[in-house]
Amino acid sequence: MYMLVKHAHLTIILLTFVLFIISFVLTMKKSEMVNNKLLKIGPHVLYTLFVITFVYMVAVNPLNLYPFVNGWASSKLGGFVLYVLSITLALKWAKSNLWRFVGLISAIFWLVMSARLAYADRLKVKGSVEDPNAYVEFVQSALVAIC
């Protein structure tokens, strides 16, 4: 069941990103299709499903990863919040195209950082890495991925 929910979680992330890109392009083109019901309601439904799958995976995870207890899980949660805020900046708050692109780049950045963090196995278990160089290596690899 855990793997099924995990794959649903990843699919939801992909769908939110696809709907964001579609909405962003339509917003940039000043199209009336941006007011489509699917594009207005769909992301909220997906975010709700995302949170439900996140709570389930945190509750039954085999590594005891809990937000606000384990830095890895807290970072993932923070990345999601910043991702959603970046999308909101790009689609609603921004009044100029420059700020819309800032929101787009920011959303992509937080999505990539959260995905990169998802595969940082050595950082997942609290206390498993006592070597501070592991964190330095992680930050360096993240910066390389960005640049």
N, C-alpha and C. Protein backbone atom coordinates (compact mmCIF):
# COMPACT_ATOMS: atom_id res chain seq x y z
N MET A 1 0.82 -1.19 0.00
CA MET A 1 0.00 0.00 0.00
C MET A 1 0.87 1.27 0.00
N TYR A 2 1.97 1.22 0.75
CA TYR A 2 2.86 2.39 0.83
C TYR A 2 3.39 2.77 -0.56
N MET A 3 3.81 1.78 -1.34
CA MET A 3 4.36 2.06 -2.67
C MET A 3 3.28 2.62 -3.60
N LEU A 4 2.07 2.15 -3.47
CA LEU A 4 0.96 2.66 -4.28
C LEU A 4 0.72 4.14 -3.96
N VAL A 5 0.71 4.48 -2.68
CA VAL A 5 0.51 5.87 -2.28
C VAL A 5 1.70 6.73 -2.70
N LYS A 6 2.91 6.17 -2.59
CA LYS A 6 4.10 6.91 -3.00
C LYS A 6 4.05 7.25 -4.49
N HIS A 7 3.65 6.30 -5.32
CA HIS A 7 3.56 6.55 -6.76
C HIS A 7 2.41 7.51 -7.08
N ALA A 8 1.32 7.42 -6.34
CA ALA A 8 0.23 8.39 -6.51
C ALA A 8 0.73 9.79 -6.14
N HIS A 9 1.50 9.88 -5.08
CA HIS A 9 2.09 11.15 -4.63
C HIS A 9 2.96 11.76 -5.74
N LEU A 10 3.80 10.95 -6.34
CA LEU A 10 4.67 11.44 -7.41
C LEU A 10 3.87 11.84 -8.66
N THR A 11 2.83 11.10 -8.94
CA THR A 11 1.96 11.44 -10.08
C THR A 11 1.24 12.76 -9.83
N ILE A 12 0.81 12.97 -8.60
CA ILE A 12 0.15 14.23 -8.24
C ILE A 12 1.11 15.40 -8.43
N ILE A 13 2.36 15.22 -8.03
CA ILE A 13 3.36 16.28 -8.21
C ILE A 13 3.51 16.60 -9.70
N LEU A 14 3.60 15.58 -10.52
CA LEU A 14 3.73 15.79 -11.96
C LEU A 14 2.51 16.53 -12.52
N LEU A 15 1.33 16.12 -12.10
CA LEU A 15 0.11 16.77 -12.60
C LEU A 15 0.02 18.24 -12.16
N THR A 16 0.44 18.53 -10.93
CA THR A 16 0.41 19.93 -10.50
C THR A 16 1.37 20.77 -11.33
N PHE A 17 2.52 20.21 -11.67
CA PHE A 17 3.48 20.95 -12.47
C PHE A 17 2.96 21.15 -13.90
N VAL A 18 2.35 20.12 -14.47
CA VAL A 18 1.79 20.24 -15.83
C VAL A 18 0.68 21.29 -15.87
N LEU A 19 -0.22 21.27 -14.88
CA LEU A 19 -1.28 22.27 -14.84
C LEU A 19 -0.72 23.67 -14.62
N PHE A 20 0.34 23.77 -13.84
CA PHE A 20 0.99 25.07 -13.63
C PHE A 20 1.57 25.60 -14.94
N ILE A 21 2.27 24.77 -15.67
CA ILE A 21 2.87 25.21 -16.94
C ILE A 21 1.78 25.62 -17.93
N ILE A 22 0.71 24.85 -18.02
CA ILE A 22 -0.40 25.21 -18.91
C ILE A 22 -0.99 26.55 -18.50
N SER A 23 -1.25 26.72 -17.21
CA SER A 23 -1.81 27.99 -16.72
C SER A 23 -0.86 29.15 -16.97
N PHE A 24 0.43 28.90 -16.78
CA PHE A 24 1.43 29.95 -16.98
C PHE A 24 1.45 30.40 -18.44
N VAL A 25 1.46 29.45 -19.34
CA VAL A 25 1.49 29.80 -20.78
C VAL A 25 0.22 30.56 -21.15
N LEU A 26 -0.92 30.10 -20.67
CA LEU A 26 -2.17 30.79 -20.98
C LEU A 26 -2.21 32.18 -20.37
N THR A 27 -1.64 32.34 -19.18
CA THR A 27 -1.58 33.65 -18.55
C THR A 27 -0.69 34.59 -19.35
N MET A 28 0.44 34.08 -19.82
CA MET A 28 1.35 34.91 -20.61
C MET A 28 0.72 35.32 -21.94
N LYS A 29 -0.10 34.44 -22.50
CA LYS A 29 -0.78 34.75 -23.77
C LYS A 29 -2.04 35.58 -23.55
N LYS A 30 -2.39 35.82 -22.29
CA LYS A 30 -3.61 36.56 -21.92
C LYS A 30 -4.86 35.90 -22.52
N SER A 31 -4.85 34.59 -22.48
CA SER A 31 -5.97 33.82 -23.03
C SER A 31 -7.10 33.73 -22.00
N GLU A 32 -8.32 33.67 -22.51
CA GLU A 32 -9.48 33.50 -21.64
C GLU A 32 -9.59 32.06 -21.13
N MET A 33 -8.85 31.14 -21.77
CA MET A 33 -8.89 29.74 -21.34
C MET A 33 -8.28 29.54 -19.96
N VAL A 34 -7.56 30.55 -19.46
CA VAL A 34 -6.97 30.45 -18.14
C VAL A 34 -8.07 30.37 -17.06
N ASN A 35 -9.27 30.80 -17.41
CA ASN A 35 -10.41 30.75 -16.49
C ASN A 35 -11.16 29.42 -16.56
N ASN A 36 -10.62 28.46 -17.28
CA ASN A 36 -11.22 27.13 -17.39
C ASN A 36 -11.36 26.54 -15.99
N LYS A 37 -12.48 25.87 -15.75
CA LYS A 37 -12.76 25.31 -14.43
C LYS A 37 -11.70 24.29 -14.00
N LEU A 38 -11.23 23.50 -14.95
CA LEU A 38 -10.21 22.51 -14.63
C LEU A 38 -8.93 23.18 -14.14
N LEU A 39 -8.56 24.28 -14.77
CA LEU A 39 -7.34 24.98 -14.38
C LEU A 39 -7.50 25.78 -13.10
N LYS A 40 -8.73 26.10 -12.74
CA LYS A 40 -8.99 26.84 -11.50
C LYS A 40 -9.13 25.91 -10.30
N ILE A 41 -9.87 24.83 -10.46
CA ILE A 41 -10.18 23.94 -9.34
C ILE A 41 -9.18 22.78 -9.25
N GLY A 42 -8.70 22.31 -10.39
CA GLY A 42 -7.80 21.15 -10.43
C GLY A 42 -6.59 21.24 -9.51
N PRO A 43 -5.85 22.34 -9.53
CA PRO A 43 -4.68 22.41 -8.65
C PRO A 43 -5.04 22.30 -7.16
N HIS A 44 -6.17 22.87 -6.76
CA HIS A 44 -6.57 22.79 -5.35
C HIS A 44 -6.90 21.36 -4.95
N VAL A 45 -7.55 20.64 -5.85
CA VAL A 45 -7.84 19.22 -5.59
C VAL A 45 -6.53 18.44 -5.50
N LEU A 46 -5.61 18.72 -6.42
CA LEU A 46 -4.32 18.02 -6.41
C LEU A 46 -3.50 18.35 -5.17
N TYR A 47 -3.51 19.60 -4.74
CA TYR A 47 -2.77 19.96 -3.52
C TYR A 47 -3.36 19.25 -2.30
N THR A 48 -4.69 19.12 -2.27
CA THR A 48 -5.32 18.40 -1.17
C THR A 48 -4.91 16.93 -1.19
N LEU A 49 -4.94 16.31 -2.36
CA LEU A 49 -4.50 14.92 -2.47
C LEU A 49 -3.02 14.77 -2.13
N PHE A 50 -2.22 15.77 -2.52
CA PHE A 50 -0.79 15.76 -2.19
C PHE A 50 -0.60 15.73 -0.68
N VAL A 51 -1.32 16.59 0.03
CA VAL A 51 -1.19 16.65 1.49
C VAL A 51 -1.67 15.35 2.12
N ILE A 52 -2.74 14.79 1.62
CA ILE A 52 -3.25 13.52 2.16
C ILE A 52 -2.22 12.41 1.97
N THR A 53 -1.64 12.32 0.77
CA THR A 53 -0.63 11.27 0.55
C THR A 53 0.62 11.54 1.37
N PHE A 54 0.98 12.81 1.55
CA PHE A 54 2.14 13.16 2.38
C PHE A 54 1.91 12.71 3.83
N VAL A 55 0.73 13.02 4.36
CA VAL A 55 0.42 12.64 5.74
C VAL A 55 0.44 11.12 5.89
N TYR A 56 -0.12 10.41 4.92
CA TYR A 56 -0.11 8.95 4.97
C TYR A 56 1.33 8.42 4.97
N MET A 57 2.14 8.92 4.06
CA MET A 57 3.52 8.41 3.97
C MET A 57 4.33 8.75 5.22
N VAL A 58 4.08 9.90 5.81
CA VAL A 58 4.78 10.25 7.05
C VAL A 58 4.32 9.34 8.19
N ALA A 59 3.03 9.02 8.21
CA ALA A 59 2.49 8.20 9.30
C ALA A 59 2.99 6.76 9.26
N VAL A 60 3.21 6.22 8.07
CA VAL A 60 3.58 4.80 7.98
C VAL A 60 4.99 4.59 7.44
N ASN A 61 5.79 5.65 7.39
CA ASN A 61 7.11 5.50 6.77
C ASN A 61 8.01 4.58 7.58
N PRO A 62 8.83 3.81 6.89
CA PRO A 62 9.70 2.85 7.57
C PRO A 62 10.93 3.48 8.23
N LEU A 63 11.25 4.74 7.92
CA LEU A 63 12.46 5.36 8.44
C LEU A 63 12.19 6.33 9.59
N ASN A 64 10.93 6.42 10.04
CA ASN A 64 10.56 7.35 11.12
C ASN A 64 10.94 8.79 10.78
N LEU A 65 10.54 9.22 9.61
CA LEU A 65 10.81 10.59 9.16
C LEU A 65 9.58 11.43 9.44
N TYR A 66 9.71 12.34 10.37
CA TYR A 66 8.58 13.19 10.74
C TYR A 66 8.96 14.65 10.60
N PRO A 67 8.08 15.48 10.00
CA PRO A 67 8.38 16.91 9.93
C PRO A 67 8.55 17.49 11.33
N PHE A 68 9.41 18.44 11.44
CA PHE A 68 9.72 19.15 12.68
C PHE A 68 10.49 18.28 13.68
N VAL A 69 10.73 17.02 13.33
CA VAL A 69 11.59 16.14 14.14
C VAL A 69 12.83 15.82 13.33
N ASN A 70 12.62 15.48 12.08
CA ASN A 70 13.71 15.14 11.18
C ASN A 70 13.86 16.27 10.16
N GLY A 71 15.08 16.76 10.00
CA GLY A 71 15.34 17.88 9.09
C GLY A 71 14.99 17.57 7.65
N TRP A 72 15.15 16.30 7.24
CA TRP A 72 14.87 15.93 5.87
C TRP A 72 13.39 16.13 5.56
N ALA A 73 12.52 15.60 6.42
CA ALA A 73 11.08 15.71 6.19
C ALA A 73 10.61 17.16 6.30
N SER A 74 11.20 17.91 7.21
CA SER A 74 10.85 19.33 7.33
C SER A 74 11.25 20.10 6.08
N SER A 75 12.40 19.77 5.53
CA SER A 75 12.86 20.43 4.31
C SER A 75 11.94 20.11 3.14
N LYS A 76 11.47 18.88 3.07
CA LYS A 76 10.53 18.51 2.00
C LYS A 76 9.23 19.29 2.14
N LEU A 77 8.73 19.41 3.35
CA LEU A 77 7.50 20.16 3.59
C LEU A 77 7.70 21.64 3.26
N GLY A 78 8.82 22.20 3.68
CA GLY A 78 9.13 23.59 3.36
C GLY A 78 9.26 23.83 1.87
N GLY A 79 9.87 22.88 1.17
CA GLY A 79 10.00 22.98 -0.28
C GLY A 79 8.65 23.00 -0.96
N PHE A 80 7.72 22.19 -0.47
CA PHE A 80 6.37 22.17 -1.04
C PHE A 80 5.68 23.52 -0.83
N VAL A 81 5.79 24.07 0.37
CA VAL A 81 5.15 25.36 0.66
C VAL A 81 5.73 26.45 -0.24
N LEU A 82 7.05 26.47 -0.39
CA LEU A 82 7.68 27.49 -1.24
C LEU A 82 7.34 27.28 -2.72
N TYR A 83 7.17 26.03 -3.13
CA TYR A 83 6.74 25.71 -4.49
C TYR A 83 5.35 26.29 -4.76
N VAL A 84 4.43 26.08 -3.85
CA VAL A 84 3.07 26.58 -4.01
C VAL A 84 3.05 28.12 -3.98
N LEU A 85 3.84 28.72 -3.10
CA LEU A 85 3.91 30.18 -3.06
C LEU A 85 4.50 30.75 -4.35
N SER A 86 5.47 30.06 -4.91
CA SER A 86 6.06 30.50 -6.18
C SER A 86 5.05 30.42 -7.32
N ILE A 87 4.25 29.37 -7.32
CA ILE A 87 3.20 29.24 -8.34
C ILE A 87 2.18 30.36 -8.17
N THR A 88 1.83 30.66 -6.93
CA THR A 88 0.89 31.74 -6.67
C THR A 88 1.45 33.07 -7.13
N LEU A 89 2.74 33.29 -6.92
CA LEU A 89 3.38 34.51 -7.41
C LEU A 89 3.28 34.59 -8.93
N ALA A 90 3.59 33.50 -9.60
CA ALA A 90 3.60 33.50 -11.07
C ALA A 90 2.21 33.69 -11.67
N LEU A 91 1.20 33.14 -11.03
CA LEU A 91 -0.13 33.15 -11.65
C LEU A 91 -1.08 34.22 -11.12
N LYS A 92 -0.90 34.65 -9.86
CA LYS A 92 -1.89 35.57 -9.28
C LYS A 92 -1.29 36.88 -8.81
N TRP A 93 -0.22 36.83 -8.06
CA TRP A 93 0.30 38.04 -7.43
C TRP A 93 1.05 38.94 -8.40
N ALA A 94 1.74 38.35 -9.36
CA ALA A 94 2.60 39.14 -10.26
C ALA A 94 1.75 40.01 -11.17
N LYS A 95 2.18 41.26 -11.30
CA LYS A 95 1.48 42.19 -12.20
C LYS A 95 2.26 42.43 -13.49
N SER A 96 3.53 42.04 -13.50
CA SER A 96 4.33 42.21 -14.72
C SER A 96 4.90 40.86 -15.15
N ASN A 97 5.29 40.78 -16.40
CA ASN A 97 5.85 39.53 -16.92
C ASN A 97 7.17 39.17 -16.24
N LEU A 98 7.93 40.17 -15.84
CA LEU A 98 9.19 39.90 -15.14
C LEU A 98 8.93 39.11 -13.86
N TRP A 99 7.96 39.55 -13.08
CA TRP A 99 7.66 38.84 -11.83
C TRP A 99 7.01 37.49 -12.08
N ARG A 100 6.30 37.37 -13.19
CA ARG A 100 5.74 36.05 -13.54
C ARG A 100 6.87 35.06 -13.83
N PHE A 101 7.89 35.53 -14.55
CA PHE A 101 9.03 34.66 -14.84
C PHE A 101 9.83 34.36 -13.57
N VAL A 102 9.91 35.31 -12.67
CA VAL A 102 10.57 35.06 -11.38
C VAL A 102 9.82 33.95 -10.64
N GLY A 103 8.49 34.01 -10.65
CA GLY A 103 7.69 32.95 -10.03
C GLY A 103 7.88 31.61 -10.71
N LEU A 104 7.96 31.61 -12.04
CA LEU A 104 8.19 30.37 -12.79
C LEU A 104 9.54 29.76 -12.42
N ILE A 105 10.59 30.56 -12.46
CA ILE A 105 11.94 30.05 -12.14
C ILE A 105 11.99 29.59 -10.69
N SER A 106 11.36 30.34 -9.80
CA SER A 106 11.34 29.96 -8.39
C SER A 106 10.60 28.63 -8.19
N ALA A 107 9.46 28.45 -8.85
CA ALA A 107 8.71 27.20 -8.72
C ALA A 107 9.52 26.02 -9.24
N ILE A 108 10.17 26.20 -10.37
CA ILE A 108 11.01 25.13 -10.92
C ILE A 108 12.17 24.83 -9.97
N PHE A 109 12.76 25.89 -9.42
CA PHE A 109 13.86 25.72 -8.47
C PHE A 109 13.43 24.89 -7.27
N TRP A 110 12.30 25.25 -6.64
CA TRP A 110 11.86 24.53 -5.45
C TRP A 110 11.42 23.11 -5.78
N LEU A 111 10.86 22.89 -6.95
CA LEU A 111 10.49 21.54 -7.35
C LEU A 111 11.74 20.68 -7.52
N VAL A 112 12.75 21.23 -8.20
CA VAL A 112 14.00 20.48 -8.42
C VAL A 112 14.72 20.23 -7.09
N MET A 113 14.75 21.24 -6.23
CA MET A 113 15.42 21.06 -4.93
C MET A 113 14.72 20.00 -4.08
N SER A 114 13.40 20.00 -4.10
CA SER A 114 12.66 18.99 -3.34
C SER A 114 12.87 17.60 -3.93
N ALA A 115 12.90 17.51 -5.25
CA ALA A 115 13.15 16.22 -5.89
C ALA A 115 14.56 15.74 -5.59
N ARG A 116 15.50 16.66 -5.64
CA ARG A 116 16.90 16.31 -5.34
C ARG A 116 17.02 15.83 -3.90
N LEU A 117 16.32 16.50 -3.01
CA LEU A 117 16.35 16.11 -1.60
C LEU A 117 15.71 14.74 -1.38
N ALA A 118 14.73 14.41 -2.22
CA ALA A 118 14.06 13.11 -2.08
C ALA A 118 15.02 11.95 -2.29
N TYR A 119 16.06 12.18 -3.08
CA TYR A 119 17.01 11.11 -3.36
C TYR A 119 18.29 11.22 -2.55
N ALA A 120 18.31 12.09 -1.56
CA ALA A 120 19.47 12.22 -0.68
C ALA A 120 19.35 11.21 0.45
N ASP A 121 19.55 9.95 0.12
CA ASP A 121 19.34 8.86 1.08
C ASP A 121 20.15 9.00 2.36
N ARG A 122 21.35 9.49 2.26
CA ARG A 122 22.19 9.53 3.45
C ARG A 122 21.75 10.61 4.43
N LEU A 123 20.88 11.51 4.02
CA LEU A 123 20.42 12.56 4.92
C LEU A 123 19.06 12.25 5.54
N LYS A 124 18.43 11.14 5.17
CA LYS A 124 17.06 10.88 5.58
C LYS A 124 16.92 10.49 7.05
N VAL A 125 17.83 9.71 7.57
CA VAL A 125 17.67 9.19 8.92
C VAL A 125 18.43 10.09 9.88
N LYS A 126 17.72 10.59 10.89
CA LYS A 126 18.31 11.50 11.86
C LYS A 126 19.46 10.80 12.58
N GLY A 127 20.61 11.45 12.56
CA GLY A 127 21.76 10.90 13.25
C GLY A 127 22.55 9.91 12.43
N SER A 128 22.12 9.62 11.22
CA SER A 128 22.84 8.63 10.43
C SER A 128 24.11 9.21 9.82
N VAL A 129 24.15 10.52 9.69
CA VAL A 129 25.33 11.17 9.14
C VAL A 129 25.88 12.13 10.18
N GLU A 130 26.98 11.77 10.76
CA GLU A 130 27.61 12.65 11.74
C GLU A 130 28.71 13.48 11.10
N ASP A 131 29.04 13.17 9.86
CA ASP A 131 30.10 13.87 9.15
C ASP A 131 29.54 15.14 8.52
N PRO A 132 29.99 16.31 8.97
CA PRO A 132 29.45 17.55 8.40
C PRO A 132 29.80 17.72 6.93
N ASN A 133 30.83 17.02 6.45
CA ASN A 133 31.19 17.12 5.03
C ASN A 133 30.10 16.57 4.13
N ALA A 134 29.28 15.65 4.64
CA ALA A 134 28.19 15.10 3.84
C ALA A 134 27.20 16.21 3.48
N TYR A 135 26.94 17.11 4.41
CA TYR A 135 26.03 18.21 4.13
C TYR A 135 26.66 19.20 3.14
N VAL A 136 27.94 19.43 3.29
CA VAL A 136 28.64 20.32 2.36
C VAL A 136 28.61 19.73 0.95
N GLU A 137 28.84 18.43 0.84
CA GLU A 137 28.79 17.76 -0.46
C GLU A 137 27.39 17.87 -1.06
N PHE A 138 26.37 17.72 -0.21
CA PHE A 138 25.00 17.82 -0.69
C PHE A 138 24.72 19.22 -1.25
N VAL A 139 25.11 20.25 -0.52
CA VAL A 139 24.88 21.62 -0.97
C VAL A 139 25.65 21.90 -2.26
N GLN A 140 26.88 21.40 -2.33
CA GLN A 140 27.67 21.59 -3.55
C GLN A 140 27.01 20.91 -4.74
N SER A 141 26.52 19.70 -4.54
CA SER A 141 25.88 18.99 -5.65
C SER A 141 24.58 19.68 -6.05
N ALA A 142 23.87 20.27 -5.08
CA ALA A 142 22.65 21.01 -5.40
C ALA A 142 22.98 22.27 -6.22
N LEU A 143 24.04 22.94 -5.84
CA LEU A 143 24.44 24.13 -6.59
C LEU A 143 24.88 23.77 -8.01
N VAL A 144 25.56 22.64 -8.17
CA VAL A 144 25.96 22.18 -9.50
C VAL A 144 24.72 21.87 -10.33
N ALA A 145 23.69 21.27 -9.69
CA ALA A 145 22.48 20.93 -10.41
C ALA A 145 21.74 22.18 -10.86
N ILE A 146 21.82 23.23 -10.05
CA ILE A 146 21.13 24.47 -10.40
C ILE A 146 21.85 25.18 -11.53
N CYS A 147 23.17 25.25 -11.42
CA CYS A 147 23.96 25.98 -12.43
C CYS A 147 24.17 25.09 -13.59
